Amino acid sequence: MVAHISLKPIEIERILPTTVTQRPDDRGGIEIVMQHEGMDEFVIANVHYDYRYTSNGHRSWLADEIVKLLNPTPKNWVDATKPQI
């Protein structure tokens, strides 16, 4: 027997402004840090460093690309109050 659960639709009240930055960690890698307005920052991704497999340039490039993907910009915002076509 499968139980059916009825869920109510959610309503988005506010989208918090978010920043995404990077900083070095204590092992030679880079932490990708995200922070929503009014909230504590948190590490969302790590780019590890190992001289056998990565270079400083590759590590920096990858961290930059991750920040670009995660960093919210106005062109990526969706107004949740308007129907999407």
PDB file of N, CA and C in Angstrom:
ATOM      1  N   MET A   1       0.839  -1.165   0.000  1.00  0.00           N
ATOM      2  CA  MET A   1       0.000   0.000   0.000  1.00  0.00           C
ATOM      3  C   MET A   1       0.894   1.242   0.000  1.00  0.00           C
ATOM      4  N   VAL A   2       0.542   2.215  -0.831  1.00  0.00           N
ATOM      5  CA  VAL A   2       1.299   3.456  -0.927  1.00  0.00           C
ATOM      6  C   VAL A   2       0.486   4.572  -0.295  1.00  0.00           C
ATOM      7  N   ALA A   3       1.107   5.288   0.615  1.00  0.00           N
ATOM      8  CA  ALA A   3       0.429   6.418   1.249  1.00  0.00           C
ATOM      9  C   ALA A   3       0.572   7.645   0.352  1.00  0.00           C
ATOM     10  N   HIS A   4      -0.491   8.354   0.144  1.00  0.00           N
ATOM     11  CA  HIS A   4      -0.472   9.585  -0.645  1.00  0.00           C
ATOM     12  C   HIS A   4      -0.494  10.769   0.301  1.00  0.00           C
ATOM     13  N   ILE A   5       0.441  11.654   0.073  1.00  0.00           N
ATOM     14  CA  ILE A   5       0.537  12.840   0.914  1.00  0.00           C
ATOM     15  C   ILE A   5       0.129  14.047   0.080  1.00  0.00           C
ATOM     16  N   SER A   6      -0.734  14.846   0.620  1.00  0.00           N
ATOM     17  CA  SER A   6      -1.168  16.061  -0.063  1.00  0.00           C
ATOM     18  C   SER A   6      -0.347  17.229   0.471  1.00  0.00           C
ATOM     19  N   LEU A   7       0.370  17.890  -0.409  1.00  0.00           N
ATOM     20  CA  LEU A   7       1.196  19.022  -0.010  1.00  0.00           C
ATOM     21  C   LEU A   7       0.561  20.323  -0.478  1.00  0.00           C
ATOM     22  N   LYS A   8       0.625  21.310   0.378  1.00  0.00           N
ATOM     23  CA  LYS A   8       0.121  22.624   0.004  1.00  0.00           C
ATOM     24  C   LYS A   8       1.187  23.345  -0.828  1.00  0.00           C
ATOM     25  N   PRO A   9       0.782  24.148  -1.796  1.00  0.00           N
ATOM     26  CA  PRO A   9       1.763  24.912  -2.562  1.00  0.00           C
ATOM     27  C   PRO A   9       2.491  25.896  -1.657  1.00  0.00           C
ATOM     28  N   ILE A  10       3.754  26.110  -1.946  1.00  0.00           N
ATOM     29  CA  ILE A  10       4.516  27.079  -1.156  1.00  0.00           C
ATOM     30  C   ILE A  10       4.440  28.443  -1.823  1.00  0.00           C
ATOM     31  N   GLU A  11       4.685  29.458  -1.050  1.00  0.00           N
ATOM     32  CA  GLU A  11       4.695  30.810  -1.572  1.00  0.00           C
ATOM     33  C   GLU A  11       6.006  31.459  -1.148  1.00  0.00           C
ATOM     34  N   ILE A  12       6.753  31.955  -2.115  1.00  0.00           N
ATOM     35  CA  ILE A  12       8.023  32.613  -1.813  1.00  0.00           C
ATOM     36  C   ILE A  12       7.732  34.025  -1.350  1.00  0.00           C
ATOM     37  N   GLU A  13       8.210  34.343  -0.151  1.00  0.00           N
ATOM     38  CA  GLU A  13       7.964  35.668   0.403  1.00  0.00           C
ATOM     39  C   GLU A  13       9.071  36.644   0.039  1.00  0.00           C
ATOM     40  N   ARG A  14      10.301  36.171   0.060  1.00  0.00           N
ATOM     41  CA  ARG A  14      11.420  37.074  -0.194  1.00  0.00           C
ATOM     42  C   ARG A  14      12.647  36.258  -0.571  1.00  0.00           C
ATOM     43  N   ILE A  15      13.385  36.735  -1.535  1.00  0.00           N
ATOM     44  CA  ILE A  15      14.652  36.105  -1.895  1.00  0.00           C
ATOM     45  C   ILE A  15      15.759  36.944  -1.270  1.00  0.00           C
ATOM     46  N   LEU A  16      16.547  36.320  -0.404  1.00  0.00           N
ATOM     47  CA  LEU A  16      17.598  37.047   0.305  1.00  0.00           C
ATOM     48  C   LEU A  16      18.779  37.335  -0.616  1.00  0.00           C
ATOM     49  N   PRO A  17      19.303  38.564  -0.570  1.00  0.00           N
ATOM     50  CA  PRO A  17      20.526  38.847  -1.323  1.00  0.00           C
ATOM     51  C   PRO A  17      21.645  37.918  -0.844  1.00  0.00           C
ATOM     52  N   THR A  18      22.434  37.442  -1.783  1.00  0.00           N
ATOM     53  CA  THR A  18      23.468  36.450  -1.498  1.00  0.00           C
ATOM     54  C   THR A  18      24.798  36.896  -2.083  1.00  0.00           C
ATOM     55  N   THR A  19      25.874  36.641  -1.345  1.00  0.00           N
ATOM     56  CA  THR A  19      27.210  36.880  -1.880  1.00  0.00           C
ATOM     57  C   THR A  19      27.963  35.553  -1.928  1.00  0.00           C
ATOM     58  N   VAL A  20      28.811  35.413  -2.933  1.00  0.00           N
ATOM     59  CA  VAL A  20      29.661  34.233  -3.070  1.00  0.00           C
ATOM     60  C   VAL A  20      31.089  34.738  -3.267  1.00  0.00           C
ATOM     61  N   THR A  21      31.989  34.282  -2.400  1.00  0.00           N
ATOM     62  CA  THR A  21      33.385  34.700  -2.474  1.00  0.00           C
ATOM     63  C   THR A  21      34.277  33.474  -2.318  1.00  0.00           C
ATOM     64  N   GLN A  22      35.567  33.702  -2.448  1.00  0.00           N
ATOM     65  CA  GLN A  22      36.523  32.620  -2.230  1.00  0.00           C
ATOM     66  C   GLN A  22      37.625  33.101  -1.308  1.00  0.00           C
ATOM     67  N   ARG A  23      38.213  32.141  -0.588  1.00  0.00           N
ATOM     68  CA  ARG A  23      39.316  32.455   0.322  1.00  0.00           C
ATOM     69  C   ARG A  23      40.209  31.226   0.426  1.00  0.00           C
ATOM     70  N   PRO A  24      41.486  31.430   0.720  1.00  0.00           N
ATOM     71  CA  PRO A  24      42.372  30.276   0.872  1.00  0.00           C
ATOM     72  C   PRO A  24      42.045  29.493   2.139  1.00  0.00           C
ATOM     73  N   ASP A  25      42.209  28.171   2.060  1.00  0.00           N
ATOM     74  CA  ASP A  25      42.066  27.383   3.281  1.00  0.00           C
ATOM     75  C   ASP A  25      43.456  27.119   3.854  1.00  0.00           C
ATOM     76  N   ASP A  26      43.530  26.395   4.955  1.00  0.00           N
ATOM     77  CA  ASP A  26      44.814  26.191   5.635  1.00  0.00           C
ATOM     78  C   ASP A  26      45.638  25.047   5.052  1.00  0.00           C
ATOM     79  N   ARG A  27      45.178  24.426   3.954  1.00  0.00           N
ATOM     80  CA  ARG A  27      45.921  23.326   3.330  1.00  0.00           C
ATOM     81  C   ARG A  27      46.304  23.617   1.882  1.00  0.00           C
ATOM     82  N   GLY A  28      46.224  24.894   1.496  1.00  0.00           N
ATOM     83  CA  GLY A  28      46.616  25.260   0.145  1.00  0.00           C
ATOM     84  C   GLY A  28      45.490  25.244  -0.870  1.00  0.00           C
ATOM     85  N   GLY A  29      44.312  24.904  -0.429  1.00  0.00           N
ATOM     86  CA  GLY A  29      43.161  24.899  -1.325  1.00  0.00           C
ATOM     87  C   GLY A  29      42.412  26.215  -1.249  1.00  0.00           C
ATOM     88  N   ILE A  30      41.242  26.231  -1.856  1.00  0.00           N
ATOM     89  CA  ILE A  30      40.405  27.424  -1.853  1.00  0.00           C
ATOM     90  C   ILE A  30      38.995  27.029  -1.407  1.00  0.00           C
ATOM     91  N   GLU A  31      38.456  27.792  -0.477  1.00  0.00           N
ATOM     92  CA  GLU A  31      37.079  27.597  -0.033  1.00  0.00           C
ATOM     93  C   GLU A  31      36.174  28.558  -0.799  1.00  0.00           C
ATOM     94  N   ILE A  32      35.054  28.044  -1.284  1.00  0.00           N
ATOM     95  CA  ILE A  32      34.030  28.881  -1.899  1.00  0.00           C
ATOM     96  C   ILE A  32      32.989  29.128  -0.806  1.00  0.00           C
ATOM     97  N   VAL A  33      32.788  30.388  -0.465  1.00  0.00           N
ATOM     98  CA  VAL A  33      31.965  30.762   0.678  1.00  0.00           C
ATOM     99  C   VAL A  33      30.710  31.489   0.191  1.00  0.00           C
ATOM    100  N   MET A  34      29.559  31.100   0.727  1.00  0.00           N
ATOM    101  CA  MET A  34      28.289  31.737   0.384  1.00  0.00           C
ATOM    102  C   MET A  34      27.700  32.338   1.646  1.00  0.00           C
ATOM    103  N   GLN A  35      27.047  33.494   1.497  1.00  0.00           N
ATOM    104  CA  GLN A  35      26.375  34.109   2.642  1.00  0.00           C
ATOM    105  C   GLN A  35      25.108  34.795   2.152  1.00  0.00           C
ATOM    106  N   HIS A  36      23.995  34.426   2.781  1.00  0.00           N
ATOM    107  CA  HIS A  36      22.725  35.082   2.519  1.00  0.00           C
ATOM    108  C   HIS A  36      22.586  36.234   3.510  1.00  0.00           C
ATOM    109  N   GLU A  37      21.974  37.313   3.086  1.00  0.00           N
ATOM    110  CA  GLU A  37      21.827  38.490   3.938  1.00  0.00           C
ATOM    111  C   GLU A  37      21.244  38.116   5.298  1.00  0.00           C
ATOM    112  N   GLY A  38      21.925  38.554   6.367  1.00  0.00           N
ATOM    113  CA  GLY A  38      21.446  38.300   7.717  1.00  0.00           C
ATOM    114  C   GLY A  38      21.758  36.921   8.261  1.00  0.00           C
ATOM    115  N   MET A  39      22.446  36.090   7.487  1.00  0.00           N
ATOM    116  CA  MET A  39      22.756  34.724   7.906  1.00  0.00           C
ATOM    117  C   MET A  39      24.272  34.561   8.044  1.00  0.00           C
ATOM    118  N   ASP A  40      24.686  33.494   8.724  1.00  0.00           N
ATOM    119  CA  ASP A  40      26.108  33.186   8.819  1.00  0.00           C
ATOM    120  C   ASP A  40      26.618  32.691   7.475  1.00  0.00           C
ATOM    121  N   GLU A  41      27.884  32.980   7.178  1.00  0.00           N
ATOM    122  CA  GLU A  41      28.472  32.448   5.948  1.00  0.00           C
ATOM    123  C   GLU A  41      28.741  30.960   6.126  1.00  0.00           C
ATOM    124  N   PHE A  42      28.822  30.248   4.992  1.00  0.00           N
ATOM    125  CA  PHE A  42      29.129  28.824   5.046  1.00  0.00           C
ATOM    126  C   PHE A  42      29.932  28.443   3.811  1.00  0.00           C
ATOM    127  N   VAL A  43      30.734  27.411   3.957  1.00  0.00           N
ATOM    128  CA  VAL A  43      31.544  26.914   2.844  1.00  0.00           C
ATOM    129  C   VAL A  43      30.666  25.978   2.028  1.00  0.00           C
ATOM    130  N   ILE A  44      30.461  26.325   0.766  1.00  0.00           N
ATOM    131  CA  ILE A  44      29.616  25.512  -0.096  1.00  0.00           C
ATOM    132  C   ILE A  44      30.444  24.567  -0.958  1.00  0.00           C
ATOM    133  N   ALA A  45      31.726  24.901  -1.179  1.00  0.00           N
ATOM    134  CA  ALA A  45      32.589  24.032  -1.987  1.00  0.00           C
ATOM    135  C   ALA A  45      34.046  24.275  -1.620  1.00  0.00           C
ATOM    136  N   ASN A  46      34.859  23.258  -1.828  1.00  0.00           N
ATOM    137  CA  ASN A  46      36.309  23.351  -1.636  1.00  0.00           C
ATOM    138  C   ASN A  46      37.003  22.933  -2.917  1.00  0.00           C
ATOM    139  N   VAL A  47      38.039  23.673  -3.284  1.00  0.00           N
ATOM    140  CA  VAL A  47      38.907  23.261  -4.384  1.00  0.00           C
ATOM    141  C   VAL A  47      40.222  22.874  -3.719  1.00  0.00           C
ATOM    142  N   HIS A  48      40.505  21.587  -3.711  1.00  0.00           N
ATOM    143  CA  HIS A  48      41.689  21.084  -3.018  1.00  0.00           C
ATOM    144  C   HIS A  48      42.935  21.252  -3.872  1.00  0.00           C
ATOM    145  N   TYR A  49      44.078  21.314  -3.206  1.00  0.00           N
ATOM    146  CA  TYR A  49      45.360  21.428  -3.898  1.00  0.00           C
ATOM    147  C   TYR A  49      46.206  20.194  -3.601  1.00  0.00           C
ATOM    148  N   ASP A  50      46.742  19.612  -4.640  1.00  0.00           N
ATOM    149  CA  ASP A  50      47.698  18.516  -4.516  1.00  0.00           C
ATOM    150  C   ASP A  50      48.697  18.689  -5.658  1.00  0.00           C
ATOM    151  N   TYR A  51      49.942  18.936  -5.332  1.00  0.00           N
ATOM    152  CA  TYR A  51      50.945  19.253  -6.349  1.00  0.00           C
ATOM    153  C   TYR A  51      51.067  18.175  -7.419  1.00  0.00           C
ATOM    154  N   ARG A  52      50.657  16.945  -7.112  1.00  0.00           N
ATOM    155  CA  ARG A  52      50.768  15.869  -8.094  1.00  0.00           C
ATOM    156  C   ARG A  52      49.713  15.981  -9.193  1.00  0.00           C
ATOM    157  N   TYR A  53      48.594  16.627  -8.892  1.00  0.00           N
ATOM    158  CA  TYR A  53      47.466  16.620  -9.825  1.00  0.00           C
ATOM    159  C   TYR A  53      46.986  18.003 -10.261  1.00  0.00           C
ATOM    160  N   THR A  54      47.268  19.031  -9.476  1.00  0.00           N
ATOM    161  CA  THR A  54      46.759  20.366  -9.793  1.00  0.00           C
ATOM    162  C   THR A  54      47.879  21.395  -9.763  1.00  0.00           C
ATOM    163  N   SER A  55      47.662  22.479 -10.466  1.00  0.00           N
ATOM    164  CA  SER A  55      48.590  23.609 -10.414  1.00  0.00           C
ATOM    165  C   SER A  55      47.868  24.773  -9.736  1.00  0.00           C
ATOM    166  N   ASN A  56      48.641  25.788  -9.347  1.00  0.00           N
ATOM    167  CA  ASN A  56      48.026  26.969  -8.751  1.00  0.00           C
ATOM    168  C   ASN A  56      47.071  27.635  -9.743  1.00  0.00           C
ATOM    169  N   GLY A  57      47.482  27.668 -11.006  1.00  0.00           N
ATOM    170  CA  GLY A  57      46.642  28.287 -12.033  1.00  0.00           C
ATOM    171  C   GLY A  57      45.339  27.540 -12.222  1.00  0.00           C
ATOM    172  N   HIS A  58      45.402  26.216 -12.273  1.00  0.00           N
ATOM    173  CA  HIS A  58      44.189  25.411 -12.442  1.00  0.00           C
ATOM    174  C   HIS A  58      43.267  25.568 -11.243  1.00  0.00           C
ATOM    175  N   ARG A  59      43.837  25.536 -10.058  1.00  0.00           N
ATOM    176  CA  ARG A  59      43.055  25.682  -8.831  1.00  0.00           C
ATOM    177  C   ARG A  59      42.339  27.033  -8.809  1.00  0.00           C
ATOM    178  N   SER A  60      43.056  28.099  -9.142  1.00  0.00           N
ATOM    179  CA  SER A  60      42.461  29.439  -9.156  1.00  0.00           C
ATOM    180  C   SER A  60      41.389  29.563 -10.227  1.00  0.00           C
ATOM    181  N   TRP A  61      41.656  29.023 -11.421  1.00  0.00           N
ATOM    182  CA  TRP A  61      40.690  29.084 -12.507  1.00  0.00           C
ATOM    183  C   TRP A  61      39.396  28.361 -12.113  1.00  0.00           C
ATOM    184  N   LEU A  62      39.537  27.166 -11.534  1.00  0.00           N
ATOM    185  CA  LEU A  62      38.361  26.390 -11.148  1.00  0.00           C
ATOM    186  C   LEU A  62      37.557  27.121 -10.079  1.00  0.00           C
ATOM    187  N   ALA A  63      38.223  27.692  -9.081  1.00  0.00           N
ATOM    188  CA  ALA A  63      37.523  28.442  -8.035  1.00  0.00           C
ATOM    189  C   ALA A  63      36.787  29.639  -8.637  1.00  0.00           C
ATOM    190  N   ASP A  64      37.429  30.350  -9.555  1.00  0.00           N
ATOM    191  CA  ASP A  64      36.779  31.490 -10.222  1.00  0.00           C
ATOM    192  C   ASP A  64      35.522  31.045 -10.970  1.00  0.00           C
ATOM    193  N   GLU A  65      35.599  29.919 -11.666  1.00  0.00           N
ATOM    194  CA  GLU A  65      34.453  29.421 -12.428  1.00  0.00           C
ATOM    195  C   GLU A  65      33.301  29.008 -11.504  1.00  0.00           C
ATOM    196  N   ILE A  66      33.622  28.400 -10.377  1.00  0.00           N
ATOM    197  CA  ILE A  66      32.578  28.013  -9.423  1.00  0.00           C
ATOM    198  C   ILE A  66      31.892  29.260  -8.868  1.00  0.00           C
ATOM    199  N   VAL A  67      32.683  30.278  -8.531  1.00  0.00           N
ATOM    200  CA  VAL A  67      32.101  31.522  -8.014  1.00  0.00           C
ATOM    201  C   VAL A  67      31.188  32.146  -9.068  1.00  0.00           C
ATOM    202  N   LYS A  68      31.610  32.141 -10.332  1.00  0.00           N
ATOM    203  CA  LYS A  68      30.757  32.685 -11.400  1.00  0.00           C
ATOM    204  C   LYS A  68      29.436  31.921 -11.499  1.00  0.00           C
ATOM    205  N   LEU A  69      29.493  30.604 -11.371  1.00  0.00           N
ATOM    206  CA  LEU A  69      28.273  29.798 -11.457  1.00  0.00           C
ATOM    207  C   LEU A  69      27.313  30.066 -10.296  1.00  0.00           C
ATOM    208  N   LEU A  70      27.875  30.267  -9.116  1.00  0.00           N
ATOM    209  CA  LEU A  70      27.040  30.422  -7.926  1.00  0.00           C
ATOM    210  C   LEU A  70      26.662  31.858  -7.612  1.00  0.00           C
ATOM    211  N   ASN A  71      27.434  32.809  -8.134  1.00  0.00           N
ATOM    212  CA  ASN A  71      27.205  34.204  -7.781  1.00  0.00           C
ATOM    213  C   ASN A  71      25.941  34.714  -8.450  1.00  0.00           C
ATOM    214  N   PRO A  72      24.967  35.104  -7.660  1.00  0.00           N
ATOM    215  CA  PRO A  72      23.719  35.576  -8.253  1.00  0.00           C
ATOM    216  C   PRO A  72      23.911  36.952  -8.878  1.00  0.00           C
ATOM    217  N   THR A  73      23.464  37.082 -10.091  1.00  0.00           N
ATOM    218  CA  THR A  73      23.502  38.365 -10.778  1.00  0.00           C
ATOM    219  C   THR A  73      22.098  38.676 -11.275  1.00  0.00           C
ATOM    220  N   PRO A  74      21.782  39.944 -11.473  1.00  0.00           N
ATOM    221  CA  PRO A  74      20.425  40.286 -11.909  1.00  0.00           C
ATOM    222  C   PRO A  74      19.966  39.534 -13.155  1.00  0.00           C
ATOM    223  N   LYS A  75      20.862  39.238 -14.083  1.00  0.00           N
ATOM    224  CA  LYS A  75      20.432  38.551 -15.300  1.00  0.00           C
ATOM    225  C   LYS A  75      19.979  37.113 -15.012  1.00  0.00           C
ATOM    226  N   ASN A  76      20.393  36.546 -13.864  1.00  0.00           N
ATOM    227  CA  ASN A  76      20.004  35.183 -13.516  1.00  0.00           C
ATOM    228  C   ASN A  76      18.792  35.129 -12.595  1.00  0.00           C
ATOM    229  N   TRP A  77      18.360  36.274 -12.087  1.00  0.00           N
ATOM    230  CA  TRP A  77      17.256  36.286 -11.137  1.00  0.00           C
ATOM    231  C   TRP A  77      15.945  35.998 -11.837  1.00  0.00           C
ATOM    232  N   VAL A  78      15.087  35.306 -11.144  1.00  0.00           N
ATOM    233  CA  VAL A  78      13.746  35.026 -11.635  1.00  0.00           C
ATOM    234  C   VAL A  78      12.781  35.652 -10.644  1.00  0.00           C
ATOM    235  N   ASP A  79      11.866  36.450 -11.134  1.00  0.00           N
ATOM    236  CA  ASP A  79      10.852  37.049 -10.274  1.00  0.00           C
ATOM    237  C   ASP A  79       9.789  35.989  -9.992  1.00  0.00           C
ATOM    238  N   ALA A  80       9.798  35.479  -8.777  1.00  0.00           N
ATOM    239  CA  ALA A  80       8.905  34.367  -8.419  1.00  0.00           C
ATOM    240  C   ALA A  80       7.443  34.803  -8.351  1.00  0.00           C
ATOM    241  N   THR A  81       7.195  36.096  -8.370  1.00  0.00           N
ATOM    242  CA  THR A  81       5.810  36.566  -8.293  1.00  0.00           C
ATOM    243  C   THR A  81       5.164  36.638  -9.674  1.00  0.00           C
ATOM    244  N   LYS A  82       5.951  36.491 -10.738  1.00  0.00           N
ATOM    245  CA  LYS A  82       5.416  36.578 -12.096  1.00  0.00           C
ATOM    246  C   LYS A  82       5.439  35.220 -12.749  1.00  0.00           C
ATOM    247  N   PRO A  83       4.424  34.902 -13.569  1.00  0.00           N
ATOM    248  CA  PRO A  83       4.426  33.612 -14.257  1.00  0.00           C
ATOM    249  C   PRO A  83       5.578  33.528 -15.262  1.00  0.00           C
ATOM    250  N   GLN A  84       6.206  32.375 -15.312  1.00  0.00           N
ATOM    251  CA  GLN A  84       7.311  32.161 -16.245  1.00  0.00           C
ATOM    252  C   GLN A  84       6.763  31.583 -17.542  1.00  0.00           C
ATOM    253  N   ILE A  85       7.196  32.116 -18.655  1.00  0.00           N
ATOM    254  CA  ILE A  85       6.703  31.675 -19.964  1.00  0.00           C
ATOM    255  C   ILE A  85       7.685  30.691 -20.570  1.00  0.00           C
TER     256      ILE A  85
END
